[in-house]
Amino acid sequence: MPELPEVETIARGLSKRVTGDVIESVWLGQKKEPLKSPASEIAAVLEQTRIATVRRMGKHIVFDLEHVNVGRTVPSAKSRRSKRNQRSTITQDKAQWIVHLGMTGHLQVCEPAIEIAKHTHAILKLASGRELRFVDSRRFGRLSVASSGDFDATGIEPLEVDLDRFIALFRGRKTPIKSALLNQKLLRGVGNIYADESLFRAGIRPRRRASSVTRERLGKLFLSVREVLTEAIALGGSSVSDYVNADGEEGFFQLQHRVYGRESDPCLVCKTPIKRIVIAGRSSHYCPKCQK
């Protein structure tokens, strides 16, 4: 499942490609699972809106929209054909399209002539002549809208939280520190890969009870989480499954993994074999010597 660095990478790529474009029409597939909002509501909110911004919120991609009404002549954003310029006026009404990629979801910006993939669940026709498609083979992704533009994911952004607030999130919790890191109501966007990598750099075992981790160790974890996420974003995320960015390219942070997916391989620091355990149904990788 794409985590914070992958979603951030995709959102940035989409922002460069579709910001300013106008959604002229929407097609939605017959499968109900991807639609968190009713199909009729999604279409009504999206059609004739201008994409003002594309950004990440937790593991969600949020398209901030502005409604477009008939009026004066303005060029369609990033239009490739001047004949597609349309008569429109942008009002200040706000709305949002929220996309959660699930495990295998991805967004494609392509020409209409490109063959439609088998598991395509949404096609947005843009004024620039292109299409924005949502494809998801396993149908764990979710599409929804916020007509009032007030969507807010739970939890705190790990790249924005300060040290004291970060420490307060975990003090007194009896769950394993790995489970606490994955709790999206606490920190949003951190998933299995980056929790394992952050715990390794902080020298904390994933099964360690959160309430038993000292303030000093939590301070190291705070720095490790920020460091790992920042490095991963810079390298375009981790392509360990079928993840690709908005341009269809893989990320490279998987080449920097120190514990995740390295079961039985020697630790890059002490050469001790990396162990894999299961915590709350999730695989956890750690070094039994470097992490206490």
Protein backbone atom coordinates (compact mmCIF):
# COMPACT_ATOMS: atom_id res chain seq x y z
CA MET A 1 0.00 0.00 0.00
CA PRO A 2 1.43 3.42 -0.90
CA GLU A 3 2.57 5.27 2.21
CA LEU A 4 3.30 8.94 2.84
CA PRO A 5 6.38 9.27 0.56
CA GLU A 6 4.68 7.50 -2.35
CA VAL A 7 1.46 9.50 -2.01
CA GLU A 8 3.44 12.74 -1.67
CA THR A 9 5.40 11.90 -4.82
CA ILE A 10 2.24 11.12 -6.78
CA ALA A 11 0.48 14.28 -5.54
CA ARG A 12 3.43 16.47 -6.55
CA GLY A 13 3.56 14.89 -9.99
CA LEU A 14 -0.16 15.34 -10.54
CA SER A 15 0.02 18.91 -9.33
CA LYS A 16 2.53 19.74 -12.08
CA ARG A 17 0.43 18.06 -14.75
CA VAL A 18 -3.20 18.94 -14.05
CA THR A 19 -3.33 22.05 -11.84
CA GLY A 20 -5.39 24.68 -13.64
CA ASP A 21 -7.15 22.19 -15.92
CA VAL A 22 -10.94 21.94 -16.01
CA ILE A 23 -12.90 18.71 -15.48
CA GLU A 24 -15.49 18.67 -18.25
CA SER A 25 -17.15 15.30 -17.61
CA VAL A 26 -16.85 12.23 -15.41
CA TRP A 27 -17.34 8.53 -16.15
CA LEU A 28 -17.56 6.06 -13.24
CA GLY A 29 -17.50 2.27 -13.48
CA GLN A 30 -20.10 -0.15 -12.18
CA LYS A 31 -18.06 -1.52 -9.26
CA LYS A 32 -19.33 -0.08 -5.99
CA GLU A 33 -16.31 -0.79 -3.80
CA PRO A 34 -14.15 2.18 -4.92
CA LEU A 35 -16.95 4.71 -4.42
CA LYS A 36 -17.06 6.04 -0.88
CA SER A 37 -19.44 8.79 -2.04
CA PRO A 38 -22.42 8.04 -4.34
CA ALA A 39 -21.57 8.05 -8.03
CA SER A 40 -24.12 10.76 -8.77
CA GLU A 41 -22.64 13.00 -6.08
CA ILE A 42 -19.08 12.48 -7.30
CA ALA A 43 -20.04 13.40 -10.85
CA ALA A 44 -22.10 16.41 -9.75
CA VAL A 45 -19.28 17.80 -7.60
CA LEU A 46 -16.47 17.21 -10.11
CA GLU A 47 -17.98 18.27 -13.43
CA GLN A 48 -17.23 21.83 -14.58
CA THR A 49 -14.66 22.47 -11.87
CA ARG A 50 -11.13 23.77 -12.17
CA ILE A 51 -8.35 21.87 -10.38
CA ALA A 52 -6.89 24.57 -8.14
CA THR A 53 -4.33 22.43 -6.29
CA VAL A 54 -3.36 18.80 -5.78
CA ARG A 55 -1.86 17.88 -2.42
CA ARG A 56 -1.36 15.05 0.03
CA MET A 57 -3.19 14.73 3.33
CA GLY A 58 -2.05 11.65 5.21
CA LYS A 59 -2.37 8.80 2.70
CA HIS A 60 -5.03 10.69 0.71
CA ILE A 61 -4.59 12.71 -2.47
CA VAL A 62 -6.79 15.80 -2.28
CA PHE A 63 -7.83 17.75 -5.38
CA ASP A 64 -8.99 21.23 -4.37
CA LEU A 65 -11.62 22.36 -6.89
CA GLU A 66 -13.16 25.66 -7.96
CA HIS A 67 -16.50 25.72 -9.72
CA VAL A 68 -16.64 27.00 -13.29
CA ASN A 69 -19.71 28.75 -14.73
CA VAL A 70 -20.50 30.02 -18.24
CA GLY A 71 -19.23 33.55 -18.75
CA ARG A 72 -16.19 35.36 -20.14
CA THR A 73 -13.63 33.69 -22.41
CA VAL A 74 -10.51 32.29 -20.72
CA PRO A 75 -8.00 29.74 -22.01
CA SER A 76 -8.37 26.25 -20.58
CA ALA A 77 -5.41 25.49 -18.32
CA LYS A 78 -2.37 23.93 -20.01
CA SER A 79 -4.46 23.56 -23.15
CA ARG A 80 -2.67 21.86 -26.00
CA ARG A 81 -5.17 23.00 -28.59
CA SER A 82 -6.35 26.60 -28.79
CA LYS A 83 -9.69 25.43 -30.22
CA ARG A 84 -10.41 23.88 -26.82
CA ASN A 85 -10.42 27.28 -25.14
CA GLN A 86 -13.78 27.62 -23.47
CA ARG A 87 -16.12 30.31 -22.20
CA SER A 88 -15.97 30.09 -18.45
CA THR A 89 -15.85 32.03 -15.22
CA ILE A 90 -14.27 30.64 -12.07
CA THR A 91 -16.26 31.31 -8.92
CA GLN A 92 -15.00 31.08 -5.34
CA ASP A 93 -17.12 28.04 -4.40
CA LYS A 94 -14.86 25.28 -3.11
CA ALA A 95 -15.08 21.49 -3.30
CA GLN A 96 -12.68 18.56 -3.04
CA TRP A 97 -12.10 15.21 -4.69
CA ILE A 98 -10.40 12.78 -2.30
CA VAL A 99 -8.55 9.72 -3.59
CA HIS A 100 -7.19 6.92 -1.39
CA LEU A 101 -5.06 4.58 -3.48
CA GLY A 102 -5.58 1.51 -1.31
CA MET A 103 -3.11 -1.26 -2.15
CA THR A 104 -2.94 -1.14 -5.95
CA GLY A 105 -4.66 2.07 -7.02
CA HIS A 106 -2.97 4.61 -9.27
CA LEU A 107 -3.88 7.71 -11.26
CA GLN A 108 -2.99 8.08 -14.93
CA VAL A 109 -2.89 11.28 -16.98
CA CYS A 110 -3.10 10.22 -20.59
CA GLU A 111 -4.45 10.90 -24.07
CA PRO A 112 -7.97 9.59 -24.82
CA ALA A 113 -6.54 7.29 -27.52
CA ILE A 114 -4.60 5.28 -24.93
CA GLU A 115 -6.26 1.91 -24.31
CA ILE A 116 -8.39 1.87 -21.17
CA ALA A 117 -6.98 -0.57 -18.61
CA LYS A 118 -9.20 -3.44 -17.45
CA HIS A 119 -9.60 -2.22 -13.87
CA THR A 120 -10.36 1.45 -14.61
CA HIS A 121 -13.04 2.79 -12.26
CA ALA A 122 -13.08 6.49 -13.12
CA ILE A 123 -12.27 8.65 -16.14
CA LEU A 124 -12.21 12.44 -15.89
CA LYS A 125 -12.20 14.23 -19.25
CA LEU A 126 -10.16 17.43 -19.03
CA ALA A 127 -10.47 20.64 -21.03
CA SER A 128 -6.86 20.22 -22.14
CA GLY A 129 -7.93 17.18 -24.14
CA ARG A 130 -6.37 14.66 -21.77
CA GLU A 131 -7.99 12.19 -19.37
CA LEU A 132 -7.31 11.51 -15.71
CA ARG A 133 -8.01 7.86 -14.95
CA PHE A 134 -8.22 5.94 -11.67
CA VAL A 135 -7.16 2.31 -12.02
CA ASP A 136 -7.25 -0.23 -9.18
CA SER A 137 -7.10 -3.98 -9.76
CA ARG A 138 -7.90 -5.03 -6.17
CA ARG A 139 -10.51 -2.33 -5.55
CA PHE A 140 -9.25 -1.33 -2.09
CA GLY A 141 -8.86 2.30 -3.19
CA ARG A 142 -11.61 4.80 -2.41
CA LEU A 143 -13.02 7.84 -4.22
CA SER A 144 -15.05 10.46 -2.40
CA VAL A 145 -15.95 14.14 -2.53
CA ALA A 146 -16.38 16.95 -0.03
CA SER A 147 -18.78 19.43 -1.59
CA SER A 148 -17.98 22.04 1.06
CA GLY A 149 -14.21 21.60 0.76
CA ASP A 150 -13.76 20.68 4.43
CA PHE A 151 -12.15 17.23 4.24
CA ASP A 152 -9.67 16.59 7.04
CA ALA A 153 -7.85 13.30 7.62
CA THR A 154 -7.39 12.12 11.19
CA GLY A 155 -4.03 12.21 12.93
CA ILE A 156 -1.10 14.62 12.80
CA GLU A 157 1.28 15.12 9.89
CA PRO A 158 4.61 13.54 10.95
CA LEU A 159 6.63 16.13 9.03
CA GLU A 160 4.84 18.98 10.80
CA VAL A 161 4.48 17.79 14.41
CA ASP A 162 6.89 19.21 17.00
CA LEU A 163 8.93 17.10 19.43
CA ASP A 164 6.78 17.59 22.53
CA ARG A 165 3.56 16.75 20.69
CA PHE A 166 5.20 13.71 19.12
CA ILE A 167 6.31 12.37 22.50
CA ALA A 168 2.88 13.00 23.99
CA LEU A 169 1.29 10.79 21.33
CA PHE A 170 3.01 7.68 22.66
CA ARG A 171 3.42 8.22 26.39
CA GLY A 172 1.16 5.94 28.42
CA ARG A 173 0.18 3.69 25.52
CA LYS A 174 0.43 -0.04 26.26
CA THR A 175 0.45 -1.11 22.61
CA PRO A 176 3.72 -2.03 20.83
CA ILE A 177 5.51 1.05 19.54
CA LYS A 178 5.21 -0.33 15.99
CA SER A 179 1.41 -0.52 16.31
CA ALA A 180 1.32 3.02 17.68
CA LEU A 181 3.35 4.29 14.72
CA LEU A 182 0.86 2.67 12.33
CA ASN A 183 -2.14 4.16 14.13
CA GLN A 184 -3.42 6.74 11.63
CA LYS A 185 -5.37 8.49 14.40
CA LEU A 186 -2.01 9.45 15.91
CA LEU A 187 0.32 10.02 12.96
CA ARG A 188 -1.13 10.00 9.46
CA GLY A 189 0.72 8.58 6.53
CA VAL A 190 3.30 6.35 8.26
CA GLY A 191 2.96 2.73 7.12
CA ASN A 192 4.76 -0.59 7.51
CA ILE A 193 7.89 0.20 5.52
CA TYR A 194 8.71 3.52 7.12
CA ALA A 195 7.78 2.43 10.64
CA ASP A 196 10.31 -0.43 10.40
CA GLU A 197 13.00 1.80 8.94
CA SER A 198 12.42 4.54 11.53
CA LEU A 199 12.50 2.13 14.46
CA PHE A 200 15.77 0.66 13.22
CA ARG A 201 17.46 4.05 13.01
CA ALA A 202 16.17 4.93 16.48
CA GLY A 203 17.39 1.59 17.90
CA ILE A 204 13.95 0.55 19.19
CA ARG A 205 12.46 -2.93 18.82
CA PRO A 206 9.03 -2.91 17.17
CA ARG A 207 7.43 -5.02 19.93
CA ARG A 208 8.60 -2.69 22.69
CA ARG A 209 5.61 -1.25 24.59
CA ALA A 210 5.20 2.40 23.68
CA SER A 211 4.81 3.48 27.31
CA SER A 212 8.20 1.91 28.17
CA VAL A 213 10.15 3.91 25.60
CA THR A 214 12.08 6.70 27.31
CA ARG A 215 11.74 10.33 26.34
CA GLU A 216 15.29 10.23 25.00
CA ARG A 217 14.48 7.26 22.75
CA LEU A 218 11.24 8.88 21.58
CA GLY A 219 13.29 11.93 20.68
CA LYS A 220 15.51 9.74 18.50
CA LEU A 221 12.41 8.18 16.93
CA PHE A 222 11.03 11.65 16.21
CA LEU A 223 14.19 12.53 14.27
CA SER A 224 14.30 9.12 12.56
CA VAL A 225 10.72 9.36 11.28
CA ARG A 226 11.37 12.78 9.78
CA GLU A 227 14.71 11.67 8.33
CA VAL A 228 13.36 8.49 6.74
CA LEU A 229 10.27 10.16 5.26
CA THR A 230 12.29 13.07 3.88
CA GLU A 231 14.85 10.76 2.26
CA ALA A 232 12.11 8.56 0.81
CA ILE A 233 10.29 11.52 -0.72
CA ALA A 234 13.54 12.74 -2.28
CA LEU A 235 14.00 9.30 -3.91
CA GLY A 236 10.41 9.07 -5.14
CA GLY A 237 9.22 6.49 -2.60
CA SER A 238 9.69 2.71 -2.47
CA SER A 239 8.69 0.48 -5.38
CA VAL A 240 8.37 -2.86 -3.59
CA SER A 241 5.16 -3.90 -5.35
CA ASP A 242 3.44 -2.21 -8.29
CA TYR A 243 3.87 1.40 -7.15
CA VAL A 244 4.76 3.97 -9.80
CA ASN A 245 4.54 7.76 -9.68
CA ALA A 246 2.32 10.04 -11.78
CA ASP A 247 4.70 9.62 -14.73
CA GLY A 248 4.68 5.83 -14.49
CA GLU A 249 8.19 5.71 -13.02
CA GLU A 250 9.38 3.64 -10.05
CA GLY A 251 10.86 5.06 -6.86
CA PHE A 252 14.34 4.23 -5.52
CA PHE A 253 14.14 4.29 -1.73
CA GLN A 254 13.77 0.48 -1.64
CA LEU A 255 17.49 0.43 -2.42
CA GLN A 256 18.08 2.19 0.91
CA HIS A 257 16.01 -0.17 3.09
CA ARG A 258 18.05 -1.31 6.07
CA VAL A 259 15.59 -3.83 7.56
CA TYR A 260 12.28 -3.91 5.68
CA GLY A 261 12.09 -6.94 3.38
CA ARG A 262 15.57 -8.10 4.44
CA GLU A 263 14.61 -11.10 6.61
CA SER A 264 17.66 -13.35 7.28
CA ASP A 265 20.00 -10.93 5.50
CA PRO A 266 22.88 -9.56 7.59
CA CYS A 267 22.33 -6.24 9.34
CA LEU A 268 24.14 -3.50 7.47
CA VAL A 269 25.58 -2.27 10.78
CA CYS A 270 26.45 -5.35 12.87
CA LYS A 271 25.97 -8.30 10.42
CA THR A 272 23.39 -9.99 12.70
CA PRO A 273 20.62 -11.64 10.60
CA ILE A 274 17.51 -9.47 10.30
CA LYS A 275 14.46 -11.00 11.96
CA ARG A 276 10.83 -10.87 10.89
CA ILE A 277 7.93 -11.07 13.34
CA VAL A 278 4.21 -10.40 13.07
CA ILE A 279 2.62 -7.68 15.21
CA ALA A 280 -1.15 -7.18 14.97
CA GLY A 281 -1.17 -8.98 11.65
CA ARG A 282 1.61 -6.88 10.12
CA SER A 283 5.13 -8.02 9.28
CA SER A 284 7.87 -6.27 11.24
CA HIS A 285 11.57 -6.41 10.44
CA TYR A 286 14.32 -5.55 12.92
CA CYS A 287 17.87 -6.24 14.01
CA PRO A 288 17.92 -8.11 17.37
CA LYS A 289 21.31 -6.61 18.24
CA CYS A 290 20.98 -2.98 17.14
CA GLN A 291 17.41 -2.55 18.42
CA LYS A 292 16.54 -2.83 22.11
